[in-house]
Amino acid sequence: MGGPWMETHVDSGVFTVLYQDRRGGLQVQNRKTKEMV
C-alpha cells in the first residue's frame, strides 16, 4: 500500500476528496499521509 501515484493524488487534492468520502474525515487522511511518509 502506498505508491508514487498516491503522493500525486494527495498533491492534486483528488485523493483527499476520495479519502474524505471514504473515511469521512480529512484528519484521517492527514494521519495516514504522515504514517506513509
Protein backbone atom coordinates (compact mmCIF):
# COMPACT_ATOMS: atom_id res chain seq x y z
CA MET A 1 0.00 0.00 0.00
CA GLY A 2 1.24 3.45 -0.85
CA GLY A 3 2.90 4.32 -4.12
CA PRO A 4 4.12 7.25 -6.22
CA TRP A 5 0.61 7.74 -7.57
CA MET A 6 -0.71 8.24 -4.04
CA GLU A 7 1.51 11.24 -3.44
CA THR A 8 0.44 12.73 -6.75
CA HIS A 9 -3.22 12.27 -5.94
CA VAL A 10 -2.78 13.80 -2.50
CA ASP A 11 -0.95 16.75 -4.04
CA SER A 12 -3.71 17.21 -6.59
CA GLY A 13 -6.35 17.01 -3.92
CA VAL A 14 -8.22 14.22 -5.68
CA PHE A 15 -7.16 11.55 -3.22
CA THR A 16 -8.06 13.91 -0.39
CA VAL A 17 -11.66 14.09 -1.57
CA LEU A 18 -11.81 10.36 -2.17
CA TYR A 19 -10.37 9.62 1.24
CA GLN A 20 -12.65 12.16 2.87
CA ASP A 21 -15.65 10.45 1.32
CA ARG A 22 -14.40 7.01 2.26
CA ARG A 23 -13.30 7.70 5.81
CA GLY A 24 -15.33 10.82 6.37
CA GLY A 25 -12.57 12.99 7.74
CA LEU A 26 -9.59 14.93 6.48
CA GLN A 27 -7.72 14.28 9.73
CA VAL A 28 -7.64 10.55 8.99
CA GLN A 29 -6.11 11.24 5.59
CA ASN A 30 -3.60 13.57 7.16
CA ARG A 31 -2.56 10.97 9.73
CA LYS A 32 -2.33 8.28 7.06
CA THR A 33 -0.14 10.51 4.91
CA LYS A 34 2.15 11.18 7.85
CA GLU A 35 2.45 7.45 8.54
CA MET A 36 3.20 6.76 4.87
CA VAL A 37 5.89 9.41 4.81
